[in-house]
Amino acid sequence: MSQHIWEVKVKNTPLLKKKCNHCDSSRFRCSDKFRLNAQKKNIDIWLIYRCVQCNNRYNMTLFSRIRTESISKELFNQLSENDANTAWEYAFSHETRRKNNVDADLESVEYEILYDDTWTEDTICSGNEMITFTIKNLFDFNLRISSVIRTCLKISSSTLDRLINEEAISVDGRALQKKHRVRNGDIVQVNAEQLRRLYQDIR
């Protein structure tokens, strides 16, 4: 069984859908910076956003009035040092946005897919019954798994529909549905014989 990696690499954090009270903008960008405010033994921590037009600030609450010892030393250092990876984790967190009652413009996320585009000829002619792909995607932004498959297999939407109708593609052991969203670690399996016939038909 042949296995391959498809890695989704995001290029930016999602914009927030929020009306600015200083201008007519409705989008805020993540600054990758945190604000910490300690009062006695309690601490408040926010992720700072800026209006895309006027740079007005919006603080998204991460922790409110919590004891400083309840945060691990590692996380506290990351927040204190404005660690960008930590900022991105919170910026992509649906739960954090839900707690702050704000929505994200997930379509504002740009990304690329890293994959081996030389696999096709050798793999589909290798005699393997199934071709297996593992998807790496560290940040959830509702990316459709069908978009990843179309890009990496280099097929059209109609060709993908054909493979779906033939039940030639499964995700984590279940038949692919176009509505499926990418989750980190998804296992995509494609029937090699059906894919081979398809490639022959579209040439």
N, C-alpha and C. Protein backbone atom coordinates (compact mmCIF):
# COMPACT_ATOMS: atom_id res chain seq x y z
N MET A 1 0.85 -1.20 0.00
CA MET A 1 0.00 0.00 0.00
C MET A 1 0.89 1.24 0.00
N SER A 2 0.69 2.09 -0.98
CA SER A 2 1.51 3.30 -1.12
C SER A 2 0.92 4.43 -0.29
N GLN A 3 1.78 5.17 0.45
CA GLN A 3 1.32 6.25 1.30
C GLN A 3 2.02 7.56 0.96
N HIS A 4 1.27 8.64 1.04
CA HIS A 4 1.80 9.96 0.69
C HIS A 4 1.25 11.00 1.67
N ILE A 5 1.92 12.15 1.75
CA ILE A 5 1.53 13.23 2.65
C ILE A 5 1.04 14.43 1.84
N TRP A 6 -0.12 14.95 2.23
CA TRP A 6 -0.61 16.23 1.72
C TRP A 6 -0.61 17.20 2.91
N GLU A 7 0.18 18.26 2.83
CA GLU A 7 0.28 19.19 3.95
C GLU A 7 -0.29 20.56 3.59
N VAL A 8 -1.29 20.97 4.36
CA VAL A 8 -1.91 22.28 4.16
C VAL A 8 -1.15 23.31 5.00
N LYS A 9 -0.59 24.30 4.34
CA LYS A 9 0.17 25.36 5.03
C LYS A 9 -0.58 26.68 4.89
N VAL A 10 -1.05 27.21 6.02
CA VAL A 10 -1.75 28.50 5.97
C VAL A 10 -0.73 29.63 5.93
N LYS A 11 -1.11 30.72 5.28
CA LYS A 11 -0.21 31.85 5.11
C LYS A 11 -0.57 33.02 6.03
N ASN A 12 -1.76 32.99 6.60
CA ASN A 12 -2.20 34.09 7.45
C ASN A 12 -3.33 33.62 8.37
N THR A 13 -3.57 34.35 9.42
CA THR A 13 -4.68 34.06 10.32
C THR A 13 -5.96 34.67 9.75
N PRO A 14 -7.12 34.15 10.14
CA PRO A 14 -8.37 34.70 9.62
C PRO A 14 -8.66 36.09 10.18
N LEU A 15 -9.26 36.92 9.35
CA LEU A 15 -9.73 38.22 9.82
C LEU A 15 -10.96 38.02 10.69
N LEU A 16 -11.15 38.93 11.64
CA LEU A 16 -12.37 38.91 12.44
C LEU A 16 -13.44 39.76 11.78
N LYS A 17 -14.67 39.28 11.82
CA LYS A 17 -15.80 40.06 11.35
C LYS A 17 -16.30 40.92 12.51
N LYS A 18 -15.85 42.16 12.52
CA LYS A 18 -16.22 43.05 13.63
C LYS A 18 -16.27 44.48 13.15
N LYS A 19 -17.35 45.18 13.49
CA LYS A 19 -17.50 46.57 13.09
C LYS A 19 -16.58 47.45 13.91
N CYS A 20 -15.80 48.24 13.22
CA CYS A 20 -14.91 49.18 13.91
C CYS A 20 -15.71 50.40 14.37
N ASN A 21 -15.45 50.86 15.59
CA ASN A 21 -16.19 52.04 16.09
C ASN A 21 -15.45 53.35 15.80
N HIS A 22 -14.36 53.27 15.00
CA HIS A 22 -13.62 54.47 14.61
C HIS A 22 -13.70 54.75 13.13
N CYS A 23 -14.08 53.74 12.34
CA CYS A 23 -14.21 53.93 10.89
C CYS A 23 -15.28 52.98 10.36
N ASP A 24 -15.41 52.89 9.04
CA ASP A 24 -16.49 52.06 8.48
C ASP A 24 -16.03 50.64 8.16
N SER A 25 -14.88 50.24 8.65
CA SER A 25 -14.37 48.89 8.40
C SER A 25 -15.14 47.85 9.21
N SER A 26 -15.17 46.62 8.70
CA SER A 26 -15.82 45.53 9.42
C SER A 26 -14.89 44.33 9.57
N ARG A 27 -13.58 44.58 9.46
CA ARG A 27 -12.61 43.50 9.59
C ARG A 27 -11.44 43.93 10.47
N PHE A 28 -10.98 42.99 11.31
CA PHE A 28 -9.82 43.20 12.16
C PHE A 28 -8.82 42.09 11.91
N ARG A 29 -7.54 42.44 11.91
CA ARG A 29 -6.47 41.46 11.69
C ARG A 29 -5.76 41.18 13.01
N CYS A 30 -5.27 39.97 13.15
CA CYS A 30 -4.53 39.59 14.34
C CYS A 30 -3.14 40.23 14.31
N SER A 31 -2.73 40.82 15.42
CA SER A 31 -1.43 41.50 15.49
C SER A 31 -0.31 40.55 15.90
N ASP A 32 -0.66 39.31 16.28
CA ASP A 32 0.30 38.34 16.81
C ASP A 32 0.91 38.80 18.13
N LYS A 33 0.21 39.67 18.82
CA LYS A 33 0.70 40.18 20.10
C LYS A 33 -0.37 40.02 21.18
N PHE A 34 0.09 39.87 22.41
CA PHE A 34 -0.80 39.70 23.55
C PHE A 34 -0.70 40.91 24.49
N ARG A 35 -1.75 41.10 25.25
CA ARG A 35 -1.72 42.10 26.33
C ARG A 35 -1.98 41.36 27.63
N LEU A 36 -1.11 41.57 28.62
CA LEU A 36 -1.25 40.96 29.93
C LEU A 36 -1.41 42.05 30.97
N ASN A 37 -2.37 41.88 31.85
CA ASN A 37 -2.60 42.87 32.90
C ASN A 37 -2.77 42.13 34.23
N ALA A 38 -1.77 42.25 35.10
CA ALA A 38 -1.79 41.56 36.39
C ALA A 38 -2.27 42.51 37.48
N GLN A 39 -3.19 42.00 38.31
CA GLN A 39 -3.66 42.74 39.47
C GLN A 39 -3.60 41.82 40.68
N LYS A 40 -2.66 42.11 41.56
CA LYS A 40 -2.37 41.25 42.70
C LYS A 40 -2.07 39.84 42.20
N LYS A 41 -2.87 38.85 42.58
CA LYS A 41 -2.59 37.48 42.18
C LYS A 41 -3.40 37.04 40.97
N ASN A 42 -4.18 37.95 40.42
CA ASN A 42 -5.00 37.64 39.25
C ASN A 42 -4.40 38.27 38.00
N ILE A 43 -4.77 37.70 36.84
CA ILE A 43 -4.25 38.23 35.60
C ILE A 43 -5.31 38.15 34.50
N ASP A 44 -5.34 39.16 33.65
CA ASP A 44 -6.16 39.17 32.44
C ASP A 44 -5.23 39.10 31.24
N ILE A 45 -5.65 38.33 30.23
CA ILE A 45 -4.81 38.19 29.04
C ILE A 45 -5.69 38.30 27.80
N TRP A 46 -5.24 39.11 26.85
CA TRP A 46 -5.97 39.31 25.60
C TRP A 46 -5.06 39.06 24.40
N LEU A 47 -5.68 38.72 23.28
CA LEU A 47 -4.99 38.70 21.99
C LEU A 47 -5.38 39.97 21.26
N ILE A 48 -4.40 40.74 20.82
CA ILE A 48 -4.67 42.05 20.24
C ILE A 48 -4.95 41.96 18.74
N TYR A 49 -6.06 42.58 18.35
CA TYR A 49 -6.41 42.72 16.93
C TYR A 49 -6.39 44.20 16.55
N ARG A 50 -6.17 44.46 15.25
CA ARG A 50 -6.15 45.82 14.75
C ARG A 50 -7.09 45.96 13.56
N CYS A 51 -7.81 47.07 13.50
CA CYS A 51 -8.67 47.34 12.34
C CYS A 51 -7.81 47.39 11.08
N VAL A 52 -8.28 46.78 10.02
CA VAL A 52 -7.49 46.74 8.79
C VAL A 52 -7.38 48.10 8.13
N GLN A 53 -8.25 49.05 8.50
CA GLN A 53 -8.22 50.37 7.88
C GLN A 53 -7.56 51.43 8.76
N CYS A 54 -8.00 51.52 10.00
CA CYS A 54 -7.53 52.63 10.83
C CYS A 54 -6.62 52.19 11.97
N ASN A 55 -6.40 50.90 12.12
CA ASN A 55 -5.50 50.36 13.14
C ASN A 55 -6.07 50.45 14.56
N ASN A 56 -7.35 50.74 14.66
CA ASN A 56 -8.00 50.74 15.97
C ASN A 56 -7.85 49.37 16.62
N ARG A 57 -7.69 49.34 17.94
CA ARG A 57 -7.40 48.09 18.63
C ARG A 57 -8.66 47.42 19.18
N TYR A 58 -8.68 46.10 19.08
CA TYR A 58 -9.70 45.29 19.74
C TYR A 58 -8.99 44.17 20.49
N ASN A 59 -9.30 44.02 21.77
CA ASN A 59 -8.69 42.98 22.59
C ASN A 59 -9.63 41.79 22.72
N MET A 60 -9.21 40.64 22.23
CA MET A 60 -10.01 39.43 22.36
C MET A 60 -9.58 38.69 23.62
N THR A 61 -10.52 38.47 24.52
CA THR A 61 -10.21 37.89 25.82
C THR A 61 -9.79 36.42 25.70
N LEU A 62 -8.67 36.10 26.31
CA LEU A 62 -8.21 34.71 26.40
C LEU A 62 -8.40 34.18 27.81
N PHE A 63 -7.98 34.97 28.80
CA PHE A 63 -8.14 34.60 30.21
C PHE A 63 -8.60 35.84 30.97
N SER A 64 -9.56 35.65 31.87
CA SER A 64 -10.09 36.77 32.63
C SER A 64 -10.06 36.47 34.13
N ARG A 65 -9.34 37.31 34.87
CA ARG A 65 -9.28 37.22 36.33
C ARG A 65 -8.92 35.82 36.81
N ILE A 66 -7.88 35.27 36.25
CA ILE A 66 -7.46 33.95 36.70
C ILE A 66 -6.21 34.06 37.55
N ARG A 67 -5.98 33.08 38.37
CA ARG A 67 -4.78 33.06 39.20
C ARG A 67 -3.57 32.80 38.31
N THR A 68 -2.51 33.53 38.55
CA THR A 68 -1.33 33.38 37.70
C THR A 68 -0.77 31.96 37.73
N GLU A 69 -0.90 31.29 38.88
CA GLU A 69 -0.34 29.94 38.98
C GLU A 69 -1.16 28.90 38.21
N SER A 70 -2.35 29.30 37.73
CA SER A 70 -3.17 28.35 36.98
C SER A 70 -2.72 28.24 35.52
N ILE A 71 -1.80 29.10 35.09
CA ILE A 71 -1.23 29.03 33.75
C ILE A 71 0.15 28.40 33.84
N SER A 72 0.43 27.47 32.96
CA SER A 72 1.75 26.83 32.98
C SER A 72 2.83 27.86 32.70
N LYS A 73 4.00 27.61 33.24
CA LYS A 73 5.12 28.53 33.03
C LYS A 73 5.45 28.66 31.55
N GLU A 74 5.37 27.54 30.84
CA GLU A 74 5.67 27.56 29.40
C GLU A 74 4.71 28.46 28.65
N LEU A 75 3.40 28.31 28.91
CA LEU A 75 2.41 29.14 28.23
C LEU A 75 2.56 30.60 28.63
N PHE A 76 2.80 30.85 29.91
CA PHE A 76 2.96 32.23 30.35
C PHE A 76 4.13 32.90 29.63
N ASN A 77 5.23 32.18 29.47
CA ASN A 77 6.39 32.73 28.77
C ASN A 77 6.05 33.00 27.30
N GLN A 78 5.30 32.10 26.69
CA GLN A 78 4.92 32.30 25.29
C GLN A 78 4.06 33.54 25.13
N LEU A 79 3.12 33.73 26.04
CA LEU A 79 2.25 34.90 26.00
C LEU A 79 3.05 36.17 26.27
N SER A 80 3.94 36.11 27.24
CA SER A 80 4.74 37.29 27.60
C SER A 80 5.68 37.71 26.48
N GLU A 81 6.15 36.73 25.72
CA GLU A 81 7.12 37.00 24.66
C GLU A 81 6.46 37.15 23.29
N ASN A 82 5.12 37.23 23.26
CA ASN A 82 4.39 37.38 21.99
C ASN A 82 4.77 36.30 20.97
N ASP A 83 4.74 35.05 21.44
CA ASP A 83 5.07 33.94 20.56
C ASP A 83 4.04 33.84 19.44
N ALA A 84 4.50 33.93 18.19
CA ALA A 84 3.59 33.98 17.04
C ALA A 84 2.80 32.69 16.88
N ASN A 85 3.43 31.56 17.11
CA ASN A 85 2.72 30.27 16.97
C ASN A 85 1.56 30.17 17.95
N THR A 86 1.78 30.65 19.16
CA THR A 86 0.71 30.65 20.17
C THR A 86 -0.42 31.59 19.75
N ALA A 87 -0.06 32.75 19.22
CA ALA A 87 -1.07 33.70 18.75
C ALA A 87 -1.92 33.08 17.64
N TRP A 88 -1.27 32.36 16.73
CA TRP A 88 -2.01 31.73 15.63
C TRP A 88 -2.95 30.65 16.14
N GLU A 89 -2.53 29.91 17.16
CA GLU A 89 -3.39 28.87 17.72
C GLU A 89 -4.68 29.48 18.27
N TYR A 90 -4.56 30.60 18.97
CA TYR A 90 -5.75 31.27 19.49
C TYR A 90 -6.56 31.93 18.37
N ALA A 91 -5.88 32.49 17.38
CA ALA A 91 -6.57 33.16 16.28
C ALA A 91 -7.42 32.20 15.46
N PHE A 92 -6.99 30.94 15.39
CA PHE A 92 -7.74 29.93 14.64
C PHE A 92 -8.72 29.15 15.53
N SER A 93 -8.75 29.46 16.82
CA SER A 93 -9.59 28.70 17.76
C SER A 93 -11.06 29.12 17.68
N HIS A 94 -11.89 28.20 17.24
CA HIS A 94 -13.33 28.45 17.19
C HIS A 94 -13.88 28.70 18.60
N GLU A 95 -13.37 27.95 19.57
CA GLU A 95 -13.85 28.09 20.94
C GLU A 95 -13.54 29.47 21.51
N THR A 96 -12.35 30.00 21.22
CA THR A 96 -12.00 31.34 21.69
C THR A 96 -12.90 32.39 21.08
N ARG A 97 -13.17 32.26 19.78
CA ARG A 97 -14.08 33.21 19.13
C ARG A 97 -15.49 33.10 19.69
N ARG A 98 -15.92 31.87 19.94
CA ARG A 98 -17.28 31.67 20.48
C ARG A 98 -17.42 32.36 21.84
N LYS A 99 -16.42 32.20 22.69
CA LYS A 99 -16.47 32.82 24.01
C LYS A 99 -16.50 34.34 23.94
N ASN A 100 -15.93 34.90 22.86
CA ASN A 100 -15.91 36.36 22.69
C ASN A 100 -17.05 36.85 21.80
N ASN A 101 -17.89 35.91 21.36
CA ASN A 101 -19.05 36.26 20.54
C ASN A 101 -18.66 37.02 19.27
N VAL A 102 -17.61 36.54 18.60
CA VAL A 102 -17.19 37.13 17.33
C VAL A 102 -17.02 36.02 16.30
N ASP A 103 -17.17 36.38 15.05
CA ASP A 103 -17.02 35.43 13.95
C ASP A 103 -15.76 35.74 13.15
N ALA A 104 -15.27 34.74 12.46
CA ALA A 104 -14.08 34.91 11.63
C ALA A 104 -14.46 34.85 10.16
N ASP A 105 -13.75 35.61 9.36
CA ASP A 105 -13.87 35.53 7.90
C ASP A 105 -12.90 34.46 7.43
N LEU A 106 -13.33 33.21 7.45
CA LEU A 106 -12.44 32.10 7.14
C LEU A 106 -11.99 32.10 5.69
N GLU A 107 -12.77 32.75 4.83
CA GLU A 107 -12.38 32.83 3.42
C GLU A 107 -11.18 33.76 3.22
N SER A 108 -10.82 34.51 4.26
CA SER A 108 -9.66 35.40 4.15
C SER A 108 -8.35 34.65 4.36
N VAL A 109 -8.44 33.39 4.77
CA VAL A 109 -7.23 32.59 4.99
C VAL A 109 -6.66 32.11 3.65
N GLU A 110 -5.41 32.46 3.39
CA GLU A 110 -4.73 31.97 2.21
C GLU A 110 -3.87 30.77 2.59
N TYR A 111 -3.74 29.85 1.66
CA TYR A 111 -3.01 28.62 1.98
C TYR A 111 -2.39 28.03 0.73
N GLU A 112 -1.48 27.11 0.94
CA GLU A 112 -0.93 26.31 -0.14
C GLU A 112 -0.90 24.86 0.33
N ILE A 113 -0.87 23.94 -0.62
CA ILE A 113 -0.81 22.53 -0.28
C ILE A 113 0.51 21.97 -0.77
N LEU A 114 1.27 21.42 0.15
CA LEU A 114 2.55 20.82 -0.19
C LEU A 114 2.34 19.34 -0.45
N TYR A 115 2.69 18.90 -1.65
CA TYR A 115 2.50 17.49 -1.99
C TYR A 115 3.46 17.12 -3.12
N ASP A 116 3.71 15.85 -3.25
CA ASP A 116 4.59 15.34 -4.29
C ASP A 116 3.79 15.19 -5.58
N ASP A 117 4.03 16.06 -6.56
CA ASP A 117 3.25 16.00 -7.79
C ASP A 117 3.88 15.08 -8.84
N THR A 118 4.87 14.30 -8.43
CA THR A 118 5.49 13.35 -9.38
C THR A 118 5.05 11.91 -9.10
N TRP A 119 4.15 11.74 -8.14
CA TRP A 119 3.78 10.40 -7.72
C TRP A 119 2.89 9.67 -8.72
N THR A 120 2.12 10.39 -9.51
CA THR A 120 0.98 9.83 -10.24
C THR A 120 1.30 8.63 -11.12
N GLU A 121 2.18 8.81 -12.09
CA GLU A 121 2.42 7.74 -13.06
C GLU A 121 2.91 6.46 -12.41
N ASP A 122 3.95 6.57 -11.58
CA ASP A 122 4.52 5.37 -10.97
C ASP A 122 3.54 4.70 -10.03
N THR A 123 2.81 5.52 -9.27
CA THR A 123 1.95 4.96 -8.22
C THR A 123 0.74 4.23 -8.79
N ILE A 124 0.05 4.83 -9.73
CA ILE A 124 -1.17 4.19 -10.23
C ILE A 124 -0.88 2.98 -11.09
N CYS A 125 0.38 2.82 -11.51
CA CYS A 125 0.75 1.65 -12.31
C CYS A 125 1.53 0.62 -11.49
N SER A 126 1.58 0.83 -10.18
CA SER A 126 2.43 -0.02 -9.35
C SER A 126 1.78 -1.34 -8.96
N GLY A 127 0.47 -1.46 -9.20
CA GLY A 127 -0.22 -2.68 -8.83
C GLY A 127 -0.85 -2.63 -7.45
N ASN A 128 -0.64 -1.52 -6.70
CA ASN A 128 -1.27 -1.39 -5.39
C ASN A 128 -2.79 -1.25 -5.54
N GLU A 129 -3.51 -1.89 -4.66
CA GLU A 129 -4.97 -1.81 -4.72
C GLU A 129 -5.47 -0.44 -4.29
N MET A 130 -4.87 0.12 -3.23
CA MET A 130 -5.28 1.41 -2.70
C MET A 130 -4.08 2.34 -2.60
N ILE A 131 -4.32 3.61 -2.84
CA ILE A 131 -3.30 4.64 -2.62
C ILE A 131 -3.76 5.44 -1.41
N THR A 132 -2.87 5.60 -0.44
CA THR A 132 -3.24 6.26 0.82
C THR A 132 -2.52 7.60 0.97
N PHE A 133 -3.31 8.62 1.34
CA PHE A 133 -2.79 9.96 1.56
C PHE A 133 -3.15 10.39 2.98
N THR A 134 -2.18 10.95 3.70
CA THR A 134 -2.44 11.51 5.02
C THR A 134 -2.39 13.03 4.93
N ILE A 135 -3.44 13.67 5.44
CA ILE A 135 -3.51 15.14 5.39
C ILE A 135 -3.01 15.74 6.70
N LYS A 136 -2.05 16.65 6.59
CA LYS A 136 -1.59 17.41 7.74
C LYS A 136 -2.15 18.82 7.63
N ASN A 137 -2.88 19.23 8.65
CA ASN A 137 -3.51 20.55 8.65
C ASN A 137 -3.61 21.04 10.09
N LEU A 138 -2.66 21.88 10.52
CA LEU A 138 -2.58 22.28 11.91
C LEU A 138 -3.67 23.26 12.33
N PHE A 139 -4.24 24.00 11.37
CA PHE A 139 -5.21 25.04 11.70
C PHE A 139 -6.53 24.79 10.97
N ASP A 140 -7.61 24.80 11.71
CA ASP A 140 -8.94 24.54 11.15
C ASP A 140 -9.54 25.84 10.61
N PHE A 141 -9.82 25.85 9.31
CA PHE A 141 -10.51 27.01 8.73
C PHE A 141 -11.58 26.56 7.73
N ASN A 142 -12.19 25.40 8.02
CA ASN A 142 -13.31 24.86 7.25
C ASN A 142 -12.96 24.57 5.79
N LEU A 143 -11.73 24.18 5.55
CA LEU A 143 -11.32 23.83 4.20
C LEU A 143 -11.99 22.53 3.77
N ARG A 144 -12.59 22.54 2.60
CA ARG A 144 -13.24 21.34 2.09
C ARG A 144 -12.19 20.32 1.66
N ILE A 145 -12.38 19.09 2.07
CA ILE A 145 -11.42 18.05 1.71
C ILE A 145 -11.45 17.78 0.21
N SER A 146 -12.58 18.05 -0.44
CA SER A 146 -12.67 17.86 -1.89
C SER A 146 -11.73 18.82 -2.62
N SER A 147 -11.52 20.01 -2.07
CA SER A 147 -10.60 20.96 -2.69
C SER A 147 -9.17 20.45 -2.64
N VAL A 148 -8.80 19.84 -1.50
CA VAL A 148 -7.46 19.28 -1.36
C VAL A 148 -7.27 18.13 -2.35
N ILE A 149 -8.26 17.26 -2.44
CA ILE A 149 -8.17 16.09 -3.33
C ILE A 149 -8.07 16.53 -4.79
N ARG A 150 -8.88 17.49 -5.19
CA ARG A 150 -8.84 17.96 -6.58
C ARG A 150 -7.47 18.54 -6.92
N THR A 151 -6.92 19.33 -5.99
CA THR A 151 -5.61 19.95 -6.23
C THR A 151 -4.51 18.90 -6.34
N CYS A 152 -4.49 17.97 -5.41
CA CYS A 152 -3.37 17.02 -5.33
C CYS A 152 -3.47 15.90 -6.37
N LEU A 153 -4.69 15.55 -6.75
CA LEU A 153 -4.85 14.55 -7.81
C LEU A 153 -4.90 15.19 -9.20
N LYS A 154 -4.97 16.53 -9.21
CA LYS A 154 -5.02 17.28 -10.47
C LYS A 154 -6.21 16.85 -11.33
N ILE A 155 -7.39 16.91 -10.72
CA ILE A 155 -8.60 16.52 -11.43
C ILE A 155 -9.64 17.63 -11.32
N SER A 156 -10.59 17.63 -12.22
CA SER A 156 -11.66 18.62 -12.23
C SER A 156 -12.76 18.23 -11.24
N SER A 157 -13.68 19.15 -11.02
CA SER A 157 -14.80 18.87 -10.13
C SER A 157 -15.66 17.73 -10.67
N SER A 158 -15.88 17.72 -11.98
CA SER A 158 -16.70 16.67 -12.57
C SER A 158 -16.01 15.30 -12.46
N THR A 159 -14.69 15.30 -12.58
CA THR A 159 -13.95 14.05 -12.43
C THR A 159 -14.02 13.55 -11.00
N LEU A 160 -13.93 14.47 -10.06
CA LEU A 160 -14.07 14.09 -8.66
C LEU A 160 -15.46 13.51 -8.41
N ASP A 161 -16.48 14.14 -9.00
CA ASP A 161 -17.85 13.62 -8.85
C ASP A 161 -17.95 12.18 -9.33
N ARG A 162 -17.26 11.90 -10.39
CA ARG A 162 -17.28 10.54 -10.94
C ARG A 162 -16.65 9.56 -9.94
N LEU A 163 -15.52 9.93 -9.36
CA LEU A 163 -14.87 9.07 -8.37
C LEU A 163 -15.76 8.89 -7.14
N ILE A 164 -16.44 9.96 -6.74
CA ILE A 164 -17.35 9.87 -5.59
C ILE A 164 -18.50 8.93 -5.90
N ASN A 165 -19.09 9.05 -7.10
CA ASN A 165 -20.21 8.20 -7.50
C ASN A 165 -19.80 6.74 -7.56
N GLU A 166 -18.54 6.50 -7.92
CA GLU A 166 -18.03 5.13 -7.99
C GLU A 166 -17.53 4.63 -6.63
N GLU A 167 -17.66 5.51 -5.61
CA GLU A 167 -17.19 5.19 -4.25
C GLU A 167 -15.73 4.75 -4.27
N ALA A 168 -14.95 5.47 -5.07
CA ALA A 168 -13.52 5.15 -5.23
C ALA A 168 -12.65 5.86 -4.21
N ILE A 169 -13.23 6.79 -3.43
CA ILE A 169 -12.47 7.55 -2.45
C ILE A 169 -13.13 7.43 -1.08
N SER A 170 -12.33 7.16 -0.07
CA SER A 170 -12.83 7.12 1.30
C SER A 170 -11.96 8.03 2.17
N VAL A 171 -12.57 8.54 3.23
CA VAL A 171 -11.87 9.37 4.21
C VAL A 171 -12.09 8.75 5.58
N ASP A 172 -10.99 8.35 6.21
CA ASP A 172 -11.06 7.68 7.50
C ASP A 172 -12.04 6.51 7.48
N GLY A 173 -12.03 5.78 6.37
CA GLY A 173 -12.83 4.56 6.25
C GLY A 173 -14.26 4.77 5.80
N ARG A 174 -14.66 6.01 5.56
CA ARG A 174 -16.03 6.29 5.12
C ARG A 174 -16.01 6.91 3.73
N ALA A 175 -17.04 6.64 2.95
CA ALA A 175 -17.13 7.17 1.60
C ALA A 175 -17.06 8.70 1.64
N LEU A 176 -16.29 9.28 0.73
CA LEU A 176 -16.13 10.74 0.68
C LEU A 176 -17.44 11.44 0.37
N GLN A 177 -17.72 12.49 1.12
CA GLN A 177 -18.83 13.39 0.84
C GLN A 177 -18.23 14.76 0.55
N LYS A 178 -18.78 15.46 -0.43
CA LYS A 178 -18.20 16.76 -0.80
C LYS A 178 -18.25 17.77 0.34
N LYS A 179 -19.17 17.60 1.26
CA LYS A 179 -19.29 18.55 2.37
C LYS A 179 -18.24 18.33 3.45
N HIS A 180 -17.49 17.22 3.38
CA HIS A 180 -16.49 16.94 4.40
C HIS A 180 -15.46 18.07 4.50
N ARG A 181 -15.11 18.45 5.73
CA ARG A 181 -14.09 19.45 5.98
C ARG A 181 -12.81 18.77 6.45
N VAL A 182 -11.69 19.38 6.15
CA VAL A 182 -10.40 18.79 6.50
C VAL A 182 -10.17 18.82 8.00
N ARG A 183 -9.70 17.70 8.51
CA ARG A 183 -9.23 17.61 9.90
C ARG A 183 -7.81 17.07 9.87
N ASN A 184 -6.99 17.58 10.78
CA ASN A 184 -5.61 17.14 10.83
C ASN A 184 -5.54 15.63 11.05
N GLY A 185 -4.77 14.95 10.21
CA GLY A 185 -4.62 13.51 10.33
C GLY A 185 -5.59 12.70 9.51
N ASP A 186 -6.46 13.35 8.74
CA ASP A 186 -7.39 12.62 7.88
C ASP A 186 -6.62 11.66 6.97
N ILE A 187 -7.17 10.45 6.82
CA ILE A 187 -6.59 9.45 5.93
C ILE A 187 -7.48 9.31 4.71
N VAL A 188 -6.95 9.67 3.55
CA VAL A 188 -7.70 9.56 2.29
C VAL A 188 -7.18 8.34 1.53
N GLN A 189 -8.09 7.46 1.12
CA GLN A 189 -7.72 6.30 0.33
C GLN A 189 -8.44 6.33 -1.01
N VAL A 190 -7.67 6.09 -2.07
CA VAL A 190 -8.21 6.11 -3.43
C VAL A 190 -7.98 4.76 -4.07
N ASN A 191 -9.02 4.23 -4.70
CA ASN A 191 -8.89 2.97 -5.41
C ASN A 191 -7.99 3.17 -6.63
N ALA A 192 -6.84 2.50 -6.64
CA ALA A 192 -5.84 2.72 -7.69
C ALA A 192 -6.34 2.33 -9.07
N GLU A 193 -7.07 1.23 -9.16
CA GLU A 193 -7.56 0.76 -10.46
C GLU A 193 -8.56 1.74 -11.06
N GLN A 194 -9.48 2.24 -10.24
CA GLN A 194 -10.46 3.20 -10.73
C GLN A 194 -9.81 4.52 -11.11
N LEU A 195 -8.80 4.92 -10.32
CA LEU A 195 -8.08 6.15 -10.65
C LEU A 195 -7.29 5.97 -11.94
N ARG A 196 -6.71 4.82 -12.13
CA ARG A 196 -5.95 4.54 -13.35
C ARG A 196 -6.86 4.62 -14.58
N ARG A 197 -8.04 4.01 -14.49
CA ARG A 197 -8.99 4.05 -15.61
C ARG A 197 -9.43 5.48 -15.88
N LEU A 198 -9.63 6.23 -14.82
CA LEU A 198 -10.07 7.62 -14.97
C LEU A 198 -9.03 8.45 -15.69
N TYR A 199 -7.76 8.31 -15.29
CA TYR A 199 -6.71 9.07 -15.94
C TYR A 199 -6.60 8.71 -17.43
N GLN A 200 -6.82 7.44 -17.75
CA GLN A 200 -6.77 7.01 -19.14
C GLN A 200 -7.91 7.63 -19.94
N ASP A 201 -9.08 7.74 -19.31
CA ASP A 201 -10.27 8.27 -19.99
C ASP A 201 -10.14 9.76 -20.28
N ILE A 202 -9.46 10.52 -19.37
CA ILE A 202 -9.43 11.98 -19.54
C ILE A 202 -8.24 12.43 -20.38
N ARG A 203 -7.43 11.50 -20.83
CA ARG A 203 -6.31 11.87 -21.70
C ARG A 203 -6.74 11.90 -23.15
